[in-house]
C-alpha atoms as a PDB file:
ATOM      1  CA  MET A   1     122.910 124.128  63.520  1.00  0.00           C
ATOM      2  CA  ARG A   2     125.968 121.905  63.230  1.00  0.00           C
ATOM      3  CA  THR A   3     129.315 123.564  63.791  1.00  0.00           C
ATOM      4  CA  TYR A   4     133.024 122.852  63.613  1.00  0.00           C
ATOM      5  CA  THR A   5     135.370 124.052  66.362  1.00  0.00           C
ATOM      6  CA  LEU A   6     138.399 125.725  64.809  1.00  0.00           C
ATOM      7  CA  ASN A   7     141.558 126.433  66.786  1.00  0.00           C
ATOM      8  CA  VAL A   8     143.909 128.776  64.940  1.00  0.00           C
ATOM      9  CA  ALA A   9     146.567 131.269  66.058  1.00  0.00           C
ATOM     10  CA  GLY A  10     145.717 130.584  69.706  1.00  0.00           C
ATOM     11  CA  LEU A  11     142.039 131.437  69.183  1.00  0.00           C
ATOM     12  CA  THR A  12     138.910 129.296  69.043  1.00  0.00           C
ATOM     13  CA  ARG A  13     135.956 129.912  66.757  1.00  0.00           C
ATOM     14  CA  GLU A  14     132.763 127.938  66.127  1.00  0.00           C
ATOM     15  CA  LEU A  15     132.172 127.726  62.391  1.00  0.00           C
ATOM     16  CA  PRO A  16     128.719 126.871  61.045  1.00  0.00           C
ATOM     17  CA  LEU A  17     128.603 123.960  58.625  1.00  0.00           C
ATOM     18  CA  CYS A  18     127.060 124.947  55.306  1.00  0.00           C
ATOM     19  CA  PRO A  19     125.911 122.627  52.523  1.00  0.00           C
ATOM     20  CA  ILE A  20     127.538 123.190  49.139  1.00  0.00           C
ATOM     21  CA  SER A  21     126.063 120.055  47.569  1.00  0.00           C
ATOM     22  CA  ASP A  22     123.928 117.038  48.462  1.00  0.00           C
ATOM     23  CA  LYS A  23     127.105 115.233  49.481  1.00  0.00           C
ATOM     24  CA  LEU A  24     129.310 117.905  51.025  1.00  0.00           C
ATOM     25  CA  ASP A  25     129.293 120.545  53.764  1.00  0.00           C
ATOM     26  CA  ILE A  26     132.026 123.063  54.450  1.00  0.00           C
ATOM     27  CA  ALA A  27     132.766 125.080  57.572  1.00  0.00           C
ATOM     28  CA  ALA A  28     132.080 128.763  56.937  1.00  0.00           C
ATOM     29  CA  PHE A  29     135.235 130.682  57.836  1.00  0.00           C
ATOM     30  CA  VAL A  30     134.756 134.440  57.545  1.00  0.00           C
ATOM     31  CA  ILE A  31     137.304 136.912  58.891  1.00  0.00           C
ATOM     32  CA  PHE A  32     135.168 139.978  58.182  1.00  0.00           C
ATOM     33  CA  SER A  33     134.620 141.935  61.414  1.00  0.00           C
ATOM     34  CA  ASP A  34     136.873 139.589  63.426  1.00  0.00           C
ATOM     35  CA  VAL A  35     139.780 141.955  63.998  1.00  0.00           C
ATOM     36  CA  GLU A  36     141.375 139.825  66.712  1.00  0.00           C
ATOM     37  CA  LEU A  37     141.435 136.779  64.444  1.00  0.00           C
ATOM     38  CA  THR A  38     142.780 138.727  61.467  1.00  0.00           C
ATOM     39  CA  VAL A  39     145.581 140.312  63.496  1.00  0.00           C
ATOM     40  CA  ARG A  40     146.620 137.067  65.221  1.00  0.00           C
ATOM     41  CA  CYS A  41     146.523 134.970  62.056  1.00  0.00           C
ATOM     42  CA  THR A  42     148.637 137.543  60.231  1.00  0.00           C
ATOM     43  CA  GLU A  43     151.185 137.536  63.057  1.00  0.00           C
ATOM     44  CA  GLU A  44     151.412 133.739  62.912  1.00  0.00           C
ATOM     45  CA  LEU A  45     151.620 133.589  59.117  1.00  0.00           C
ATOM     46  CA  LEU A  46     154.412 136.169  59.110  1.00  0.00           C
ATOM     47  CA  LYS A  47     156.413 133.855  61.395  1.00  0.00           C
ATOM     48  CA  LYS A  48     156.085 131.066  58.809  1.00  0.00           C
ATOM     49  CA  ILE A  49     156.872 133.088  55.674  1.00  0.00           C
ATOM     50  CA  ASP A  50     160.618 132.875  55.140  1.00  0.00           C
ATOM     51  CA  VAL A  51     161.010 134.801  51.887  1.00  0.00           C
ATOM     52  CA  ASP A  52     161.348 138.473  51.102  1.00  0.00           C
ATOM     53  CA  TYR A  53     158.587 140.081  49.051  1.00  0.00           C
ATOM     54  CA  ASP A  54     157.792 143.544  47.738  1.00  0.00           C
ATOM     55  CA  ILE A  55     154.020 143.557  47.382  1.00  0.00           C
ATOM     56  CA  ILE A  56     150.985 141.634  48.643  1.00  0.00           C
ATOM     57  CA  ILE A  57     148.027 140.599  46.488  1.00  0.00           C
ATOM     58  CA  SER A  58     144.715 139.002  47.355  1.00  0.00           C
ATOM     59  CA  ALA A  59     141.328 138.490  45.738  1.00  0.00           C
ATOM     60  CA  GLU A  60     138.181 140.367  46.569  1.00  0.00           C
ATOM     61  CA  SER A  61     136.536 140.066  48.981  1.00  0.00           C
ATOM     62  CA  LYS A  62     137.376 137.842  51.946  1.00  0.00           C
ATOM     63  CA  GLY A  63     141.104 138.276  51.344  1.00  0.00           C
ATOM     64  CA  ILE A  64     140.921 142.049  51.800  1.00  0.00           C
ATOM     65  CA  PRO A  65     141.166 142.180  55.617  1.00  0.00           C
ATOM     66  CA  LEU A  66     144.107 139.766  55.570  1.00  0.00           C
ATOM     67  CA  ALA A  67     145.985 141.663  52.835  1.00  0.00           C
ATOM     68  CA  TYR A  68     145.386 144.933  54.665  1.00  0.00           C
ATOM     69  CA  GLU A  69     146.640 143.494  57.957  1.00  0.00           C
ATOM     70  CA  PHE A  70     149.753 142.106  56.253  1.00  0.00           C
ATOM     71  CA  ALA A  71     150.399 145.577  54.868  1.00  0.00           C
ATOM     72  CA  ARG A  72     149.764 147.217  58.241  1.00  0.00           C
ATOM     73  CA  GLN A  73     152.115 144.880  60.096  1.00  0.00           C
ATOM     74  CA  THR A  74     154.905 144.933  57.499  1.00  0.00           C
ATOM     75  CA  GLY A  75     154.647 148.347  55.864  1.00  0.00           C
ATOM     76  CA  LYS A  76     154.453 146.648  52.439  1.00  0.00           C
ATOM     77  CA  GLN A  77     151.980 147.683  49.772  1.00  0.00           C
ATOM     78  CA  TYR A  78     148.947 145.543  48.993  1.00  0.00           C
ATOM     79  CA  ILE A  79     146.630 145.338  46.015  1.00  0.00           C
ATOM     80  CA  ILE A  80     143.332 143.567  45.453  1.00  0.00           C
ATOM     81  CA  ALA A  81     142.176 141.722  42.362  1.00  0.00           C
ATOM     82  CA  ARG A  82     138.534 142.684  41.895  1.00  0.00           C
ATOM     83  CA  LYS A  83     135.833 140.137  41.072  1.00  0.00           C
ATOM     84  CA  SER A  84     134.214 142.311  38.436  1.00  0.00           C
ATOM     85  CA  MET A  85     135.142 145.127  36.101  1.00  0.00           C
ATOM     86  CA  LYS A  86     134.870 148.600  37.577  1.00  0.00           C
ATOM     87  CA  PHE A  87     134.358 151.779  35.551  1.00  0.00           C
ATOM     88  CA  TYR A  88     137.663 153.222  36.732  1.00  0.00           C
ATOM     89  CA  MET A  89     139.783 150.273  35.559  1.00  0.00           C
ATOM     90  CA  THR A  90     141.996 150.984  32.577  1.00  0.00           C
ATOM     91  CA  GLU A  91     143.364 148.187  30.384  1.00  0.00           C
ATOM     92  CA  PRO A  92     142.595 145.496  32.967  1.00  0.00           C
ATOM     93  CA  LEU A  93     144.098 142.038  33.024  1.00  0.00           C
ATOM     94  CA  THR A  94     141.362 139.435  33.529  1.00  0.00           C
ATOM     95  CA  VAL A  95     141.162 135.751  34.463  1.00  0.00           C
ATOM     96  CA  LYS A  96     138.071 133.537  34.852  1.00  0.00           C
ATOM     97  CA  VAL A  97     137.651 131.699  38.159  1.00  0.00           C
ATOM     98  CA  LYS A  98     135.108 129.271  39.651  1.00  0.00           C
ATOM     99  CA  SER A  99     135.389 129.202  43.438  1.00  0.00           C
ATOM    100  CA  ILE A 100     133.830 126.539  45.662  1.00  0.00           C
ATOM    101  CA  THR A 101     131.955 129.246  47.592  1.00  0.00           C
ATOM    102  CA  THR A 102     130.382 131.023  44.613  1.00  0.00           C
ATOM    103  CA  ALA A 103     127.631 129.770  42.328  1.00  0.00           C
ATOM    104  CA  ASN A 104     128.893 131.226  39.063  1.00  0.00           C
ATOM    105  CA  VAL A 105     132.134 131.681  37.187  1.00  0.00           C
ATOM    106  CA  GLN A 106     133.653 135.038  38.079  1.00  0.00           C
ATOM    107  CA  THR A 107     136.252 137.244  36.450  1.00  0.00           C
ATOM    108  CA  LEU A 108     139.218 138.431  38.519  1.00  0.00           C
ATOM    109  CA  CYS A 109     140.420 141.821  37.278  1.00  0.00           C
ATOM    110  CA  LEU A 110     143.589 143.790  37.843  1.00  0.00           C
ATOM    111  CA  SER A 111     143.753 147.317  36.459  1.00  0.00           C
ATOM    112  CA  LYS A 112     146.789 148.444  34.458  1.00  0.00           C
ATOM    113  CA  GLU A 113     147.737 150.728  37.356  1.00  0.00           C
ATOM    114  CA  TYR A 114     148.021 147.743  39.725  1.00  0.00           C
ATOM    115  CA  ALA A 115     149.554 145.471  37.093  1.00  0.00           C
ATOM    116  CA  ASP A 116     152.290 148.078  36.630  1.00  0.00           C
ATOM    117  CA  GLN A 117     152.942 148.014  40.382  1.00  0.00           C
ATOM    118  CA  VAL A 118     153.364 144.216  40.253  1.00  0.00           C
ATOM    119  CA  LYS A 119     155.711 144.204  37.256  1.00  0.00           C
ATOM    120  CA  GLY A 120     159.195 143.052  38.237  1.00  0.00           C
ATOM    121  CA  LYS A 121     158.213 142.688  41.905  1.00  0.00           C
ATOM    122  CA  ARG A 122     158.398 139.733  44.299  1.00  0.00           C
ATOM    123  CA  VAL A 123     154.776 138.980  45.122  1.00  0.00           C
ATOM    124  CA  LEU A 124     153.164 137.391  48.179  1.00  0.00           C
ATOM    125  CA  ILE A 125     149.703 135.983  47.497  1.00  0.00           C
ATOM    126  CA  VAL A 126     147.454 135.804  50.577  1.00  0.00           C
ATOM    127  CA  ASP A 127     143.952 134.464  51.083  1.00  0.00           C
ATOM    128  CA  ASP A 128     141.754 133.391  53.948  1.00  0.00           C
ATOM    129  CA  VAL A 129     141.158 129.805  52.784  1.00  0.00           C
ATOM    130  CA  ILE A 130     142.635 127.753  49.979  1.00  0.00           C
ATOM    131  CA  SER A 131     140.178 125.043  49.030  1.00  0.00           C
ATOM    132  CA  THR A 132     140.037 123.866  45.427  1.00  0.00           C
ATOM    133  CA  GLY A 133     142.868 126.239  44.556  1.00  0.00           C
ATOM    134  CA  GLU A 134     140.931 127.854  41.702  1.00  0.00           C
ATOM    135  CA  SER A 135     141.122 131.384  43.153  1.00  0.00           C
ATOM    136  CA  LEU A 136     144.816 130.863  43.823  1.00  0.00           C
ATOM    137  CA  ILE A 137     145.409 129.761  40.219  1.00  0.00           C
ATOM    138  CA  ALA A 138     143.574 132.854  38.972  1.00  0.00           C
ATOM    139  CA  LEU A 139     145.730 135.114  41.163  1.00  0.00           C
ATOM    140  CA  GLU A 140     148.860 133.334  39.922  1.00  0.00           C
ATOM    141  CA  LYS A 141     147.797 133.935  36.310  1.00  0.00           C
ATOM    142  CA  LEU A 142     147.180 137.625  37.012  1.00  0.00           C
ATOM    143  CA  VAL A 143     150.586 138.047  38.671  1.00  0.00           C
ATOM    144  CA  GLU A 144     152.301 136.220  35.812  1.00  0.00           C
ATOM    145  CA  ALA A 145     150.445 138.321  33.214  1.00  0.00           C
ATOM    146  CA  ALA A 146     151.588 141.438  35.082  1.00  0.00           C
ATOM    147  CA  GLU A 147     155.174 140.087  34.979  1.00  0.00           C
ATOM    148  CA  GLY A 148     155.504 139.716  38.739  1.00  0.00           C
ATOM    149  CA  GLU A 149     157.394 136.910  40.475  1.00  0.00           C
ATOM    150  CA  ILE A 150     155.372 134.852  42.936  1.00  0.00           C
ATOM    151  CA  VAL A 151     157.626 134.097  45.907  1.00  0.00           C
ATOM    152  CA  CYS A 152     155.065 132.745  48.374  1.00  0.00           C
ATOM    153  CA  LYS A 153     151.404 131.722  48.590  1.00  0.00           C
ATOM    154  CA  ALA A 154     149.870 131.859  52.074  1.00  0.00           C
ATOM    155  CA  ALA A 155     146.479 131.310  53.660  1.00  0.00           C
ATOM    156  CA  ILE A 156     145.054 131.057  57.121  1.00  0.00           C
ATOM    157  CA  LEU A 157     143.452 127.692  56.338  1.00  0.00           C
ATOM    158  CA  ALA A 158     143.971 124.897  53.828  1.00  0.00           C
ATOM    159  CA  GLU A 159     140.677 123.126  53.266  1.00  0.00           C
ATOM    160  CA  GLY A 160     140.319 119.471  52.383  1.00  0.00           C
ATOM    161  CA  LYS A 161     142.963 118.090  50.007  1.00  0.00           C
ATOM    162  CA  SER A 162     144.678 121.466  49.651  1.00  0.00           C
ATOM    163  CA  ALA A 163     146.271 120.771  53.049  1.00  0.00           C
ATOM    164  CA  ASP A 164     148.395 118.143  51.281  1.00  0.00           C
ATOM    165  CA  ARG A 165     149.975 120.740  48.997  1.00  0.00           C
ATOM    166  CA  ASP A 166     153.599 121.654  49.585  1.00  0.00           C
ATOM    167  CA  ASP A 167     153.540 124.941  47.677  1.00  0.00           C
ATOM    168  CA  ILE A 168     151.485 126.939  50.205  1.00  0.00           C
ATOM    169  CA  VAL A 169     152.062 128.238  53.712  1.00  0.00           C
ATOM    170  CA  PHE A 170     149.061 127.897  56.030  1.00  0.00           C
ATOM    171  CA  LEU A 171     148.242 127.820  59.716  1.00  0.00           C
ATOM    172  CA  GLU A 172     145.677 125.042  60.054  1.00  0.00           C
ATOM    173  CA  LYS A 173     143.874 122.358  58.110  1.00  0.00           C
ATOM    174  CA  LEU A 174     140.132 122.760  57.654  1.00  0.00           C
ATOM    175  CA  PRO A 175     138.266 119.516  57.010  1.00  0.00           C
ATOM    176  CA  VAL A 176     135.384 119.117  54.591  1.00  0.00           C
ATOM    177  CA  PHE A 177     132.368 117.181  55.760  1.00  0.00           C
ATOM    178  CA  GLU A 178     131.015 114.442  53.521  1.00  0.00           C
ATOM    179  CA  LYS A 179     127.390 113.446  54.075  1.00  0.00           C
END
């Protein structure tokens, strides 16, 4: 199996290369179960974020460990936009999203309870990887619909052309691999 060696936050990880089309492979970056990586990346991102915020939001599911660790290290609240409707959600806000790592269009959902917690707050959006930016756009739409103010968008990695963006904070670039 082909791999890519990633150096981030003083740590090294071998990422398997996975085909997403006949012409493109991406390096699979998954922070699930990698507590050391999650903690260190959060520490390093916090050093780069120079704005004050009230609440942290991320999308289900790979953003959950990062959002939790941000909350643990800062004492700030975090919320998660779910990728499907749940029976307990009341009056949810919804946005459609097509991520590079999922086959189908998904719906990001934020229950009224969480939307109310975002209203009037300064919001930090966090995610593990920003690639096409579609998930980020969906989170931005949810925050705006909930009447929150986005003050920073941060990710551990910026993949491909997203590394050229000047509106996100990230630790390292992650290349894409054309065949």
